[in-house]
Amino acid sequence: MSASGEFDTRSASVVRKTSETSVRIALQLDGPETYANETGIGFLDHMLDLFAKHGGFGLQVFCKGDLHVDEHHTVEDVGISLGDAFREALGDKAFIRRFGHAYVPMDEALARAVVDLSGRFYLDYRARFERERVGDLSVEMVEHFWHAFAEHARCNLHIEALYGKNAHHTIEAIFKAAARALRHAAQRDPSFDRMPSTKGAL
């Protein structure tokens, strides 16, 4: 919090380079909700755009990966880098709500996400699909993305697709629900305790 009593803008930039991918991410937790995402995987770009829009985040993701192999390394390293950026942008987590949850429908599909920005990693992911791919993304990589994100953001994240017939709709509901849950958990209020934990640290 600044001397004027206003909260400072929270942001982070992350660069990750391996023999498999090169990732650059710029994240602004407090908006504006602008986005420019280019991973080489069209459906993942669409989901990252939705994540930024419904989370109220500013997000730029650029990744050049070994897509001639498959999308695994790109999806994983984008998830890792976004989790790192989210953790870095949260800083000391002063005055945050800490917990957040959201239900989001997308036509016939309904997803729920619940998060605790506890500093401890755990992912419970429950979703089943009747087809293997949506566009250029394997549906199994959705869980892998959120596992990488939660591990590196160091959060407790529960995601469940409660029902849905269309895989595109279901995955879209998952990303929107996670974004809204994270948005709520990361919100700050000066009336809250500075550190929402009896331990005095998160």
N, C-alpha and C. Protein backbone atom coordinates (compact mmCIF):
# COMPACT_ATOMS: atom_id res chain seq x y z
N MET A 1 0.85 -1.19 0.00
CA MET A 1 0.00 0.00 0.00
C MET A 1 0.89 1.24 0.00
N SER A 2 0.54 2.21 -0.83
CA SER A 2 1.35 3.42 -0.94
C SER A 2 1.09 4.35 0.25
N ALA A 3 1.89 5.41 0.33
CA ALA A 3 1.76 6.38 1.41
C ALA A 3 0.40 7.07 1.39
N SER A 4 -0.22 7.13 0.22
CA SER A 4 -1.53 7.77 0.09
C SER A 4 -2.67 6.87 0.53
N GLY A 5 -2.34 5.62 0.89
CA GLY A 5 -3.38 4.69 1.32
C GLY A 5 -3.97 3.88 0.18
N GLU A 6 -3.46 4.06 -1.03
CA GLU A 6 -3.95 3.31 -2.17
C GLU A 6 -3.04 2.11 -2.43
N PHE A 7 -3.64 1.07 -2.99
CA PHE A 7 -2.86 -0.11 -3.29
C PHE A 7 -2.02 0.11 -4.54
N ASP A 8 -0.80 -0.39 -4.51
CA ASP A 8 0.06 -0.37 -5.68
C ASP A 8 -0.40 -1.42 -6.68
N THR A 9 -0.16 -1.17 -7.95
CA THR A 9 -0.50 -2.14 -9.00
C THR A 9 0.44 -3.33 -8.91
N ARG A 10 -0.12 -4.51 -9.03
CA ARG A 10 0.67 -5.74 -8.93
C ARG A 10 0.92 -6.31 -10.33
N SER A 11 2.18 -6.55 -10.64
CA SER A 11 2.52 -7.07 -11.96
C SER A 11 3.77 -7.93 -11.88
N ALA A 12 4.00 -8.70 -12.93
CA ALA A 12 5.19 -9.54 -13.00
C ALA A 12 5.51 -9.84 -14.45
N SER A 13 6.79 -10.02 -14.73
CA SER A 13 7.25 -10.46 -16.04
C SER A 13 8.13 -11.69 -15.82
N VAL A 14 7.88 -12.71 -16.62
CA VAL A 14 8.62 -13.97 -16.48
C VAL A 14 9.14 -14.40 -17.84
N VAL A 15 10.38 -14.83 -17.86
CA VAL A 15 10.98 -15.41 -19.07
C VAL A 15 11.45 -16.81 -18.71
N ARG A 16 11.09 -17.78 -19.52
CA ARG A 16 11.50 -19.16 -19.30
C ARG A 16 12.02 -19.72 -20.62
N LYS A 17 13.26 -20.17 -20.62
CA LYS A 17 13.85 -20.74 -21.84
C LYS A 17 14.43 -22.11 -21.54
N THR A 18 14.04 -23.08 -22.33
CA THR A 18 14.58 -24.43 -22.25
C THR A 18 14.93 -24.88 -23.67
N SER A 19 15.41 -26.10 -23.79
CA SER A 19 15.70 -26.64 -25.12
C SER A 19 14.41 -26.95 -25.88
N GLU A 20 13.27 -26.88 -25.18
CA GLU A 20 11.99 -27.23 -25.78
C GLU A 20 11.10 -26.03 -26.08
N THR A 21 11.20 -24.99 -25.25
CA THR A 21 10.33 -23.82 -25.42
C THR A 21 11.06 -22.54 -25.03
N SER A 22 10.51 -21.44 -25.52
CA SER A 22 10.90 -20.10 -25.07
C SER A 22 9.62 -19.35 -24.76
N VAL A 23 9.45 -18.96 -23.50
CA VAL A 23 8.19 -18.35 -23.04
C VAL A 23 8.47 -16.98 -22.44
N ARG A 24 7.63 -16.01 -22.80
CA ARG A 24 7.66 -14.69 -22.17
C ARG A 24 6.24 -14.34 -21.73
N ILE A 25 6.12 -13.94 -20.48
CA ILE A 25 4.80 -13.60 -19.94
C ILE A 25 4.86 -12.26 -19.21
N ALA A 26 3.90 -11.40 -19.45
CA ALA A 26 3.70 -10.17 -18.69
C ALA A 26 2.29 -10.22 -18.12
N LEU A 27 2.18 -10.08 -16.80
CA LEU A 27 0.89 -10.21 -16.12
C LEU A 27 0.65 -9.00 -15.22
N GLN A 28 -0.55 -8.43 -15.30
CA GLN A 28 -0.99 -7.37 -14.40
C GLN A 28 -2.25 -7.86 -13.69
N LEU A 29 -2.13 -8.11 -12.41
CA LEU A 29 -3.27 -8.67 -11.67
C LEU A 29 -4.44 -7.69 -11.57
N ASP A 30 -4.14 -6.41 -11.55
CA ASP A 30 -5.17 -5.41 -11.33
C ASP A 30 -5.61 -4.72 -12.62
N GLY A 31 -5.41 -5.42 -13.74
CA GLY A 31 -5.86 -4.92 -15.02
C GLY A 31 -4.98 -3.79 -15.55
N PRO A 32 -5.42 -3.16 -16.63
CA PRO A 32 -6.68 -3.38 -17.35
C PRO A 32 -6.70 -4.74 -18.06
N GLU A 33 -7.91 -5.24 -18.31
CA GLU A 33 -8.08 -6.57 -18.87
C GLU A 33 -7.79 -6.56 -20.37
N THR A 34 -6.52 -6.41 -20.68
CA THR A 34 -6.06 -6.47 -22.07
C THR A 34 -5.28 -7.77 -22.24
N TYR A 35 -5.24 -8.27 -23.46
CA TYR A 35 -4.56 -9.54 -23.67
C TYR A 35 -4.05 -9.65 -25.09
N ALA A 36 -2.91 -10.33 -25.22
CA ALA A 36 -2.30 -10.62 -26.51
C ALA A 36 -1.51 -11.91 -26.31
N ASN A 37 -2.08 -13.03 -26.72
CA ASN A 37 -1.51 -14.33 -26.42
C ASN A 37 -1.21 -15.11 -27.70
N GLU A 38 0.03 -15.51 -27.85
CA GLU A 38 0.48 -16.24 -29.03
C GLU A 38 1.37 -17.39 -28.60
N THR A 39 0.79 -18.57 -28.56
CA THR A 39 1.53 -19.76 -28.12
C THR A 39 1.78 -20.73 -29.26
N GLY A 40 1.19 -20.48 -30.42
CA GLY A 40 1.25 -21.43 -31.51
C GLY A 40 0.15 -22.47 -31.45
N ILE A 41 -0.64 -22.43 -30.38
CA ILE A 41 -1.78 -23.35 -30.21
C ILE A 41 -3.03 -22.48 -30.14
N GLY A 42 -3.79 -22.47 -31.21
CA GLY A 42 -4.91 -21.55 -31.31
C GLY A 42 -5.92 -21.68 -30.19
N PHE A 43 -6.27 -22.90 -29.82
CA PHE A 43 -7.28 -23.08 -28.77
C PHE A 43 -6.75 -22.63 -27.41
N LEU A 44 -5.46 -22.87 -27.15
CA LEU A 44 -4.87 -22.39 -25.89
C LEU A 44 -4.86 -20.87 -25.85
N ASP A 45 -4.55 -20.22 -26.97
CA ASP A 45 -4.60 -18.76 -27.03
C ASP A 45 -6.00 -18.26 -26.67
N HIS A 46 -7.02 -18.92 -27.21
CA HIS A 46 -8.40 -18.54 -26.93
C HIS A 46 -8.70 -18.67 -25.44
N MET A 47 -8.24 -19.75 -24.81
CA MET A 47 -8.48 -19.96 -23.38
C MET A 47 -7.72 -18.93 -22.54
N LEU A 48 -6.51 -18.57 -22.94
CA LEU A 48 -5.76 -17.54 -22.21
C LEU A 48 -6.42 -16.17 -22.34
N ASP A 49 -6.99 -15.88 -23.52
CA ASP A 49 -7.75 -14.64 -23.68
C ASP A 49 -8.93 -14.61 -22.72
N LEU A 50 -9.64 -15.73 -22.62
CA LEU A 50 -10.79 -15.82 -21.71
C LEU A 50 -10.33 -15.67 -20.26
N PHE A 51 -9.22 -16.29 -19.93
CA PHE A 51 -8.67 -16.21 -18.58
C PHE A 51 -8.40 -14.75 -18.20
N ALA A 52 -7.79 -14.00 -19.11
CA ALA A 52 -7.50 -12.60 -18.84
C ALA A 52 -8.78 -11.77 -18.73
N LYS A 53 -9.69 -11.96 -19.66
CA LYS A 53 -10.93 -11.19 -19.69
C LYS A 53 -11.75 -11.39 -18.42
N HIS A 54 -11.94 -12.64 -18.02
CA HIS A 54 -12.82 -12.92 -16.89
C HIS A 54 -12.10 -12.83 -15.55
N GLY A 55 -10.77 -12.80 -15.59
CA GLY A 55 -10.03 -12.55 -14.36
C GLY A 55 -9.78 -11.07 -14.12
N GLY A 56 -10.03 -10.25 -15.15
CA GLY A 56 -9.75 -8.83 -15.03
C GLY A 56 -8.25 -8.55 -15.06
N PHE A 57 -7.51 -9.43 -15.72
CA PHE A 57 -6.05 -9.32 -15.75
C PHE A 57 -5.56 -8.71 -17.05
N GLY A 58 -4.39 -8.11 -17.00
CA GLY A 58 -3.66 -7.79 -18.20
C GLY A 58 -2.69 -8.93 -18.47
N LEU A 59 -2.72 -9.50 -19.65
CA LEU A 59 -1.92 -10.70 -19.90
C LEU A 59 -1.36 -10.72 -21.31
N GLN A 60 -0.06 -10.94 -21.39
CA GLN A 60 0.60 -11.17 -22.67
C GLN A 60 1.44 -12.44 -22.53
N VAL A 61 1.17 -13.40 -23.39
CA VAL A 61 1.91 -14.66 -23.39
C VAL A 61 2.44 -14.91 -24.79
N PHE A 62 3.74 -15.07 -24.89
CA PHE A 62 4.36 -15.43 -26.16
C PHE A 62 5.20 -16.68 -25.93
N CYS A 63 4.96 -17.69 -26.75
CA CYS A 63 5.70 -18.94 -26.61
C CYS A 63 6.06 -19.49 -27.98
N LYS A 64 7.32 -19.87 -28.12
CA LYS A 64 7.77 -20.61 -29.28
C LYS A 64 8.23 -21.96 -28.79
N GLY A 65 7.48 -23.00 -29.15
CA GLY A 65 7.78 -24.33 -28.63
C GLY A 65 7.97 -25.36 -29.73
N ASP A 66 8.33 -26.56 -29.33
CA ASP A 66 8.59 -27.64 -30.27
C ASP A 66 7.28 -28.34 -30.68
N LEU A 67 6.42 -27.58 -31.33
CA LEU A 67 5.12 -28.11 -31.74
C LEU A 67 5.24 -29.17 -32.82
N HIS A 68 6.42 -29.30 -33.43
CA HIS A 68 6.62 -30.38 -34.38
C HIS A 68 6.65 -31.73 -33.65
N VAL A 69 6.89 -31.70 -32.33
CA VAL A 69 6.82 -32.92 -31.51
C VAL A 69 5.36 -33.15 -31.11
N ASP A 70 4.84 -32.26 -30.28
CA ASP A 70 3.41 -32.16 -29.95
C ASP A 70 3.25 -30.92 -29.08
N GLU A 71 2.07 -30.74 -28.49
CA GLU A 71 1.82 -29.51 -27.74
C GLU A 71 2.19 -29.60 -26.26
N HIS A 72 2.66 -30.76 -25.82
CA HIS A 72 2.89 -31.00 -24.39
C HIS A 72 3.82 -29.97 -23.75
N HIS A 73 5.01 -29.79 -24.31
CA HIS A 73 5.98 -28.90 -23.70
C HIS A 73 5.50 -27.45 -23.69
N THR A 74 4.82 -27.03 -24.76
CA THR A 74 4.31 -25.66 -24.82
C THR A 74 3.27 -25.43 -23.74
N VAL A 75 2.30 -26.33 -23.63
CA VAL A 75 1.23 -26.16 -22.64
C VAL A 75 1.81 -26.18 -21.23
N GLU A 76 2.70 -27.12 -20.95
CA GLU A 76 3.29 -27.24 -19.63
C GLU A 76 4.09 -25.99 -19.26
N ASP A 77 4.93 -25.52 -20.16
CA ASP A 77 5.79 -24.39 -19.83
C ASP A 77 5.03 -23.08 -19.75
N VAL A 78 3.95 -22.95 -20.52
CA VAL A 78 3.09 -21.78 -20.36
C VAL A 78 2.40 -21.82 -19.00
N GLY A 79 1.92 -23.00 -18.58
CA GLY A 79 1.31 -23.13 -17.26
C GLY A 79 2.29 -22.83 -16.15
N ILE A 80 3.52 -23.35 -16.26
CA ILE A 80 4.56 -23.07 -15.28
C ILE A 80 4.84 -21.57 -15.19
N SER A 81 5.03 -20.95 -16.34
CA SER A 81 5.40 -19.53 -16.37
C SER A 81 4.27 -18.64 -15.88
N LEU A 82 3.03 -18.98 -16.21
CA LEU A 82 1.90 -18.19 -15.73
C LEU A 82 1.75 -18.34 -14.22
N GLY A 83 1.97 -19.54 -13.70
CA GLY A 83 1.94 -19.74 -12.26
C GLY A 83 3.03 -18.95 -11.56
N ASP A 84 4.24 -18.96 -12.12
CA ASP A 84 5.34 -18.16 -11.55
C ASP A 84 4.99 -16.67 -11.55
N ALA A 85 4.41 -16.20 -12.66
CA ALA A 85 4.05 -14.79 -12.75
C ALA A 85 2.97 -14.42 -11.75
N PHE A 86 1.99 -15.30 -11.58
CA PHE A 86 0.90 -15.03 -10.64
C PHE A 86 1.45 -14.95 -9.21
N ARG A 87 2.32 -15.89 -8.85
CA ARG A 87 2.90 -15.88 -7.50
C ARG A 87 3.74 -14.62 -7.28
N GLU A 88 4.53 -14.27 -8.28
CA GLU A 88 5.39 -13.08 -8.15
C GLU A 88 4.55 -11.81 -8.05
N ALA A 89 3.48 -11.72 -8.85
CA ALA A 89 2.65 -10.52 -8.83
C ALA A 89 1.91 -10.37 -7.50
N LEU A 90 1.56 -11.47 -6.85
CA LEU A 90 0.87 -11.41 -5.56
C LEU A 90 1.74 -10.80 -4.48
N GLY A 91 3.06 -10.90 -4.63
CA GLY A 91 3.96 -10.33 -3.65
C GLY A 91 3.76 -10.93 -2.28
N ASP A 92 3.63 -10.07 -1.24
CA ASP A 92 3.49 -10.58 0.13
C ASP A 92 2.04 -10.94 0.47
N LYS A 93 1.13 -10.79 -0.50
CA LYS A 93 -0.29 -11.17 -0.34
C LYS A 93 -1.02 -10.35 0.72
N ALA A 94 -0.52 -9.17 1.01
CA ALA A 94 -1.14 -8.33 2.03
C ALA A 94 -2.56 -7.94 1.64
N PHE A 95 -3.49 -8.13 2.56
CA PHE A 95 -4.89 -7.70 2.45
C PHE A 95 -5.71 -8.46 1.41
N ILE A 96 -5.21 -9.57 0.90
CA ILE A 96 -6.00 -10.32 -0.09
C ILE A 96 -7.11 -11.11 0.59
N ARG A 97 -8.12 -11.46 -0.20
CA ARG A 97 -9.20 -12.30 0.32
C ARG A 97 -8.71 -13.72 0.61
N ARG A 98 -7.75 -14.16 -0.16
CA ARG A 98 -7.12 -15.48 -0.06
C ARG A 98 -7.96 -16.58 -0.70
N PHE A 99 -9.24 -16.66 -0.38
CA PHE A 99 -10.11 -17.71 -0.92
C PHE A 99 -10.99 -17.15 -2.02
N GLY A 100 -11.27 -17.98 -3.00
CA GLY A 100 -12.20 -17.57 -4.06
C GLY A 100 -12.86 -18.79 -4.67
N HIS A 101 -14.07 -18.59 -5.17
CA HIS A 101 -14.76 -19.68 -5.86
C HIS A 101 -15.67 -19.10 -6.93
N ALA A 102 -15.97 -19.91 -7.92
CA ALA A 102 -16.87 -19.47 -8.98
C ALA A 102 -17.50 -20.67 -9.67
N TYR A 103 -18.76 -20.50 -10.03
CA TYR A 103 -19.47 -21.42 -10.91
C TYR A 103 -19.68 -20.67 -12.23
N VAL A 104 -19.36 -21.30 -13.33
CA VAL A 104 -19.55 -20.66 -14.63
C VAL A 104 -20.22 -21.64 -15.60
N PRO A 105 -21.36 -21.24 -16.18
CA PRO A 105 -21.99 -22.06 -17.22
C PRO A 105 -21.51 -21.63 -18.60
N MET A 106 -21.47 -22.55 -19.50
CA MET A 106 -21.25 -22.25 -20.92
C MET A 106 -22.22 -23.13 -21.68
N ASP A 107 -23.37 -22.55 -22.04
CA ASP A 107 -24.45 -23.32 -22.65
C ASP A 107 -24.80 -24.52 -21.77
N GLU A 108 -24.59 -25.73 -22.26
CA GLU A 108 -25.02 -26.92 -21.51
C GLU A 108 -24.01 -27.36 -20.45
N ALA A 109 -22.83 -26.75 -20.43
CA ALA A 109 -21.75 -27.14 -19.53
C ALA A 109 -21.72 -26.25 -18.30
N LEU A 110 -21.31 -26.83 -17.17
CA LEU A 110 -21.16 -26.07 -15.93
C LEU A 110 -19.87 -26.51 -15.24
N ALA A 111 -19.05 -25.53 -14.85
CA ALA A 111 -17.79 -25.80 -14.17
C ALA A 111 -17.70 -25.03 -12.87
N ARG A 112 -16.98 -25.62 -11.94
CA ARG A 112 -16.76 -24.98 -10.63
C ARG A 112 -15.26 -24.94 -10.36
N ALA A 113 -14.80 -23.81 -9.82
CA ALA A 113 -13.40 -23.69 -9.40
C ALA A 113 -13.36 -23.06 -8.02
N VAL A 114 -12.52 -23.60 -7.16
CA VAL A 114 -12.33 -23.10 -5.80
C VAL A 114 -10.83 -23.01 -5.55
N VAL A 115 -10.38 -21.87 -5.01
CA VAL A 115 -8.95 -21.67 -4.83
C VAL A 115 -8.63 -21.10 -3.46
N ASP A 116 -7.49 -21.50 -2.93
CA ASP A 116 -6.92 -20.94 -1.71
C ASP A 116 -5.49 -20.54 -2.04
N LEU A 117 -5.18 -19.27 -1.95
CA LEU A 117 -3.83 -18.78 -2.22
C LEU A 117 -2.98 -18.96 -0.98
N SER A 118 -2.81 -20.20 -0.60
CA SER A 118 -2.25 -20.59 0.69
C SER A 118 -0.73 -20.63 0.72
N GLY A 119 -0.10 -20.64 -0.46
CA GLY A 119 1.34 -20.87 -0.52
C GLY A 119 1.69 -22.34 -0.57
N ARG A 120 0.67 -23.21 -0.57
CA ARG A 120 0.87 -24.65 -0.66
C ARG A 120 0.18 -25.18 -1.90
N PHE A 121 0.84 -26.08 -2.60
CA PHE A 121 0.32 -26.63 -3.85
C PHE A 121 -0.58 -27.84 -3.61
N TYR A 122 -1.74 -27.80 -4.24
CA TYR A 122 -2.58 -28.99 -4.35
C TYR A 122 -3.54 -28.76 -5.51
N LEU A 123 -3.74 -29.77 -6.32
CA LEU A 123 -4.72 -29.69 -7.40
C LEU A 123 -5.64 -30.90 -7.34
N ASP A 124 -6.93 -30.63 -7.33
CA ASP A 124 -7.93 -31.67 -7.53
C ASP A 124 -8.69 -31.30 -8.80
N TYR A 125 -8.56 -32.13 -9.82
CA TYR A 125 -9.14 -31.83 -11.13
C TYR A 125 -10.05 -32.96 -11.54
N ARG A 126 -11.30 -32.65 -11.86
CA ARG A 126 -12.27 -33.68 -12.23
C ARG A 126 -13.04 -33.22 -13.48
N ALA A 127 -12.69 -33.84 -14.58
CA ALA A 127 -13.37 -33.53 -15.84
C ALA A 127 -13.20 -34.72 -16.77
N ARG A 128 -14.26 -35.06 -17.47
CA ARG A 128 -14.22 -36.17 -18.42
C ARG A 128 -14.73 -35.68 -19.77
N PHE A 129 -14.10 -36.17 -20.81
CA PHE A 129 -14.44 -35.73 -22.16
C PHE A 129 -14.66 -36.95 -23.06
N GLU A 130 -15.53 -36.77 -24.03
CA GLU A 130 -15.86 -37.86 -24.94
C GLU A 130 -15.05 -37.80 -26.22
N ARG A 131 -14.21 -36.78 -26.38
CA ARG A 131 -13.30 -36.74 -27.52
C ARG A 131 -11.92 -36.33 -27.04
N GLU A 132 -10.92 -36.62 -27.86
CA GLU A 132 -9.53 -36.46 -27.43
C GLU A 132 -8.97 -35.07 -27.67
N ARG A 133 -9.52 -34.32 -28.62
CA ARG A 133 -8.96 -33.02 -28.97
C ARG A 133 -10.06 -31.99 -29.17
N VAL A 134 -9.71 -30.75 -28.90
CA VAL A 134 -10.52 -29.61 -29.30
C VAL A 134 -9.60 -28.70 -30.11
N GLY A 135 -9.87 -28.58 -31.38
CA GLY A 135 -8.96 -27.83 -32.24
C GLY A 135 -7.59 -28.48 -32.22
N ASP A 136 -6.57 -27.69 -31.89
CA ASP A 136 -5.20 -28.19 -31.89
C ASP A 136 -4.69 -28.51 -30.48
N LEU A 137 -5.62 -28.73 -29.53
CA LEU A 137 -5.24 -29.03 -28.15
C LEU A 137 -5.83 -30.36 -27.70
N SER A 138 -4.99 -31.24 -27.16
CA SER A 138 -5.46 -32.48 -26.56
C SER A 138 -6.16 -32.15 -25.24
N VAL A 139 -7.32 -32.75 -25.00
CA VAL A 139 -8.07 -32.42 -23.79
C VAL A 139 -7.32 -32.83 -22.53
N GLU A 140 -6.44 -33.85 -22.59
CA GLU A 140 -5.68 -34.24 -21.41
C GLU A 140 -4.71 -33.15 -20.97
N MET A 141 -4.37 -32.25 -21.88
CA MET A 141 -3.43 -31.19 -21.55
C MET A 141 -4.07 -30.09 -20.71
N VAL A 142 -5.39 -30.06 -20.63
CA VAL A 142 -6.06 -29.06 -19.79
C VAL A 142 -5.70 -29.30 -18.33
N GLU A 143 -5.81 -30.54 -17.89
CA GLU A 143 -5.41 -30.86 -16.52
C GLU A 143 -3.92 -30.57 -16.31
N HIS A 144 -3.11 -30.89 -17.28
CA HIS A 144 -1.67 -30.68 -17.14
C HIS A 144 -1.35 -29.18 -17.02
N PHE A 145 -2.06 -28.35 -17.76
CA PHE A 145 -1.88 -26.91 -17.66
C PHE A 145 -2.17 -26.43 -16.24
N TRP A 146 -3.32 -26.84 -15.69
CA TRP A 146 -3.70 -26.36 -14.38
C TRP A 146 -2.83 -26.95 -13.28
N HIS A 147 -2.32 -28.15 -13.48
CA HIS A 147 -1.37 -28.72 -12.52
C HIS A 147 -0.10 -27.87 -12.48
N ALA A 148 0.44 -27.54 -13.66
CA ALA A 148 1.64 -26.72 -13.73
C ALA A 148 1.40 -25.35 -13.13
N PHE A 149 0.25 -24.75 -13.44
CA PHE A 149 -0.08 -23.42 -12.90
C PHE A 149 -0.15 -23.46 -11.38
N ALA A 150 -0.95 -24.38 -10.84
CA ALA A 150 -1.17 -24.43 -9.39
C ALA A 150 0.12 -24.72 -8.63
N GLU A 151 0.95 -25.62 -9.19
CA GLU A 151 2.22 -25.96 -8.53
C GLU A 151 3.12 -24.74 -8.43
N HIS A 152 3.17 -23.94 -9.48
CA HIS A 152 4.09 -22.80 -9.49
C HIS A 152 3.48 -21.54 -8.90
N ALA A 153 2.16 -21.42 -8.91
CA ALA A 153 1.52 -20.32 -8.19
C ALA A 153 1.46 -20.62 -6.70
N ARG A 154 1.71 -21.88 -6.35
CA ARG A 154 1.64 -22.36 -4.97
C ARG A 154 0.28 -22.10 -4.36
N CYS A 155 -0.71 -22.63 -5.03
CA CYS A 155 -2.07 -22.48 -4.55
C CYS A 155 -2.76 -23.85 -4.47
N ASN A 156 -3.83 -23.88 -3.71
CA ASN A 156 -4.70 -25.04 -3.59
C ASN A 156 -5.87 -24.80 -4.55
N LEU A 157 -5.97 -25.62 -5.59
CA LEU A 157 -6.95 -25.37 -6.64
C LEU A 157 -7.79 -26.61 -6.90
N HIS A 158 -9.10 -26.43 -6.81
CA HIS A 158 -10.04 -27.52 -7.09
C HIS A 158 -10.88 -27.11 -8.30
N ILE A 159 -10.85 -27.95 -9.32
CA ILE A 159 -11.59 -27.68 -10.55
C ILE A 159 -12.45 -28.89 -10.86
N GLU A 160 -13.71 -28.64 -11.17
CA GLU A 160 -14.59 -29.75 -11.55
C GLU A 160 -15.54 -29.31 -12.66
N ALA A 161 -15.59 -30.12 -13.71
CA ALA A 161 -16.62 -29.95 -14.73
C ALA A 161 -17.82 -30.75 -14.25
N LEU A 162 -18.83 -30.08 -13.79
CA LEU A 162 -19.98 -30.75 -13.17
C LEU A 162 -20.78 -31.53 -14.21
N TYR A 163 -20.92 -30.94 -15.39
CA TYR A 163 -21.53 -31.65 -16.51
C TYR A 163 -21.32 -30.85 -17.78
N GLY A 164 -21.56 -31.50 -18.90
CA GLY A 164 -21.39 -30.85 -20.19
C GLY A 164 -21.23 -31.89 -21.28
N LYS A 165 -21.75 -31.61 -22.45
CA LYS A 165 -21.66 -32.53 -23.58
C LYS A 165 -20.61 -32.09 -24.60
N ASN A 166 -20.47 -30.79 -24.76
CA ASN A 166 -19.54 -30.25 -25.75
C ASN A 166 -18.21 -29.96 -25.08
N ALA A 167 -17.11 -30.57 -25.57
CA ALA A 167 -15.81 -30.41 -24.93
C ALA A 167 -15.32 -28.97 -24.97
N HIS A 168 -15.56 -28.27 -26.07
CA HIS A 168 -15.16 -26.86 -26.16
C HIS A 168 -15.86 -26.06 -25.07
N HIS A 169 -17.15 -26.24 -24.91
CA HIS A 169 -17.90 -25.51 -23.89
C HIS A 169 -17.39 -25.84 -22.50
N THR A 170 -17.10 -27.10 -22.25
CA THR A 170 -16.67 -27.53 -20.92
C THR A 170 -15.32 -26.92 -20.56
N ILE A 171 -14.37 -26.97 -21.48
CA ILE A 171 -13.04 -26.39 -21.21
C ILE A 171 -13.14 -24.89 -21.04
N GLU A 172 -13.97 -24.25 -21.84
CA GLU A 172 -14.15 -22.80 -21.72
C GLU A 172 -14.73 -22.45 -20.35
N ALA A 173 -15.70 -23.22 -19.88
CA ALA A 173 -16.28 -22.98 -18.56
C ALA A 173 -15.22 -23.16 -17.47
N ILE A 174 -14.33 -24.14 -17.63
CA ILE A 174 -13.26 -24.38 -16.66
C ILE A 174 -12.34 -23.18 -16.57
N PHE A 175 -11.88 -22.67 -17.70
CA PHE A 175 -10.96 -21.53 -17.69
C PHE A 175 -11.63 -20.28 -17.13
N LYS A 176 -12.88 -20.05 -17.46
CA LYS A 176 -13.58 -18.87 -16.94
C LYS A 176 -13.79 -18.99 -15.44
N ALA A 177 -14.17 -20.18 -14.98
CA ALA A 177 -14.40 -20.37 -13.54
C ALA A 177 -13.10 -20.19 -12.77
N ALA A 178 -12.01 -20.76 -13.26
CA ALA A 178 -10.72 -20.61 -12.58
C ALA A 178 -10.30 -19.14 -12.54
N ALA A 179 -10.49 -18.43 -13.64
CA ALA A 179 -10.14 -17.01 -13.68
C ALA A 179 -10.93 -16.21 -12.67
N ARG A 180 -12.22 -16.46 -12.59
CA ARG A 180 -13.06 -15.69 -11.66
C ARG A 180 -12.76 -16.04 -10.21
N ALA A 181 -12.47 -17.31 -9.93
CA ALA A 181 -12.10 -17.70 -8.57
C ALA A 181 -10.78 -17.04 -8.16
N LEU A 182 -9.81 -17.03 -9.07
CA LEU A 182 -8.52 -16.40 -8.79
C LEU A 182 -8.66 -14.88 -8.64
N ARG A 183 -9.52 -14.30 -9.45
CA ARG A 183 -9.76 -12.85 -9.35
C ARG A 183 -10.30 -12.49 -7.96
N HIS A 184 -11.25 -13.28 -7.48
CA HIS A 184 -11.84 -13.01 -6.17
C HIS A 184 -10.81 -13.21 -5.06
N ALA A 185 -10.05 -14.31 -5.15
CA ALA A 185 -9.07 -14.61 -4.10
C ALA A 185 -7.96 -13.57 -4.02
N ALA A 186 -7.59 -13.00 -5.17
CA ALA A 186 -6.49 -12.04 -5.21
C ALA A 186 -6.92 -10.62 -4.89
N GLN A 187 -8.22 -10.36 -4.80
CA GLN A 187 -8.70 -9.01 -4.50
C GLN A 187 -8.22 -8.55 -3.13
N ARG A 188 -7.94 -7.26 -3.01
CA ARG A 188 -7.46 -6.69 -1.76
C ARG A 188 -8.48 -5.70 -1.20
N ASP A 189 -8.51 -5.61 0.14
CA ASP A 189 -9.40 -4.69 0.83
C ASP A 189 -8.69 -4.23 2.10
N PRO A 190 -8.52 -2.91 2.29
CA PRO A 190 -7.80 -2.43 3.47
C PRO A 190 -8.50 -2.75 4.78
N SER A 191 -9.78 -3.15 4.73
CA SER A 191 -10.48 -3.52 5.96
C SER A 191 -10.16 -4.95 6.40
N PHE A 192 -9.54 -5.73 5.51
CA PHE A 192 -9.14 -7.09 5.88
C PHE A 192 -7.91 -7.04 6.78
N ASP A 193 -7.68 -8.15 7.49
CA ASP A 193 -6.40 -8.30 8.17
C ASP A 193 -5.29 -8.28 7.13
N ARG A 194 -4.15 -7.74 7.51
CA ARG A 194 -3.05 -7.66 6.54
C ARG A 194 -2.67 -9.04 6.03
N MET A 195 -2.65 -10.02 6.91
CA MET A 195 -2.30 -11.37 6.49
C MET A 195 -3.41 -12.33 6.90
N PRO A 196 -4.15 -12.89 5.94
CA PRO A 196 -5.30 -13.74 6.24
C PRO A 196 -4.88 -15.15 6.65
N SER A 197 -4.11 -15.24 7.75
CA SER A 197 -3.67 -16.54 8.25
C SER A 197 -3.27 -16.39 9.70
N THR A 198 -3.63 -17.36 10.53
CA THR A 198 -3.21 -17.34 11.95
C THR A 198 -1.71 -17.56 12.07
N LYS A 199 -1.08 -18.07 11.00
CA LYS A 199 0.37 -18.28 11.02
C LYS A 199 1.13 -16.97 10.84
N GLY A 200 0.46 -15.96 10.30
CA GLY A 200 1.11 -14.68 10.04
C GLY A 200 1.85 -14.63 8.73
N ALA A 201 1.72 -15.68 7.93
CA ALA A 201 2.40 -15.72 6.63
C ALA A 201 1.68 -16.71 5.71
N LEU A 202 1.76 -16.44 4.41
CA LEU A 202 1.20 -17.36 3.40
C LEU A 202 2.32 -17.73 2.45
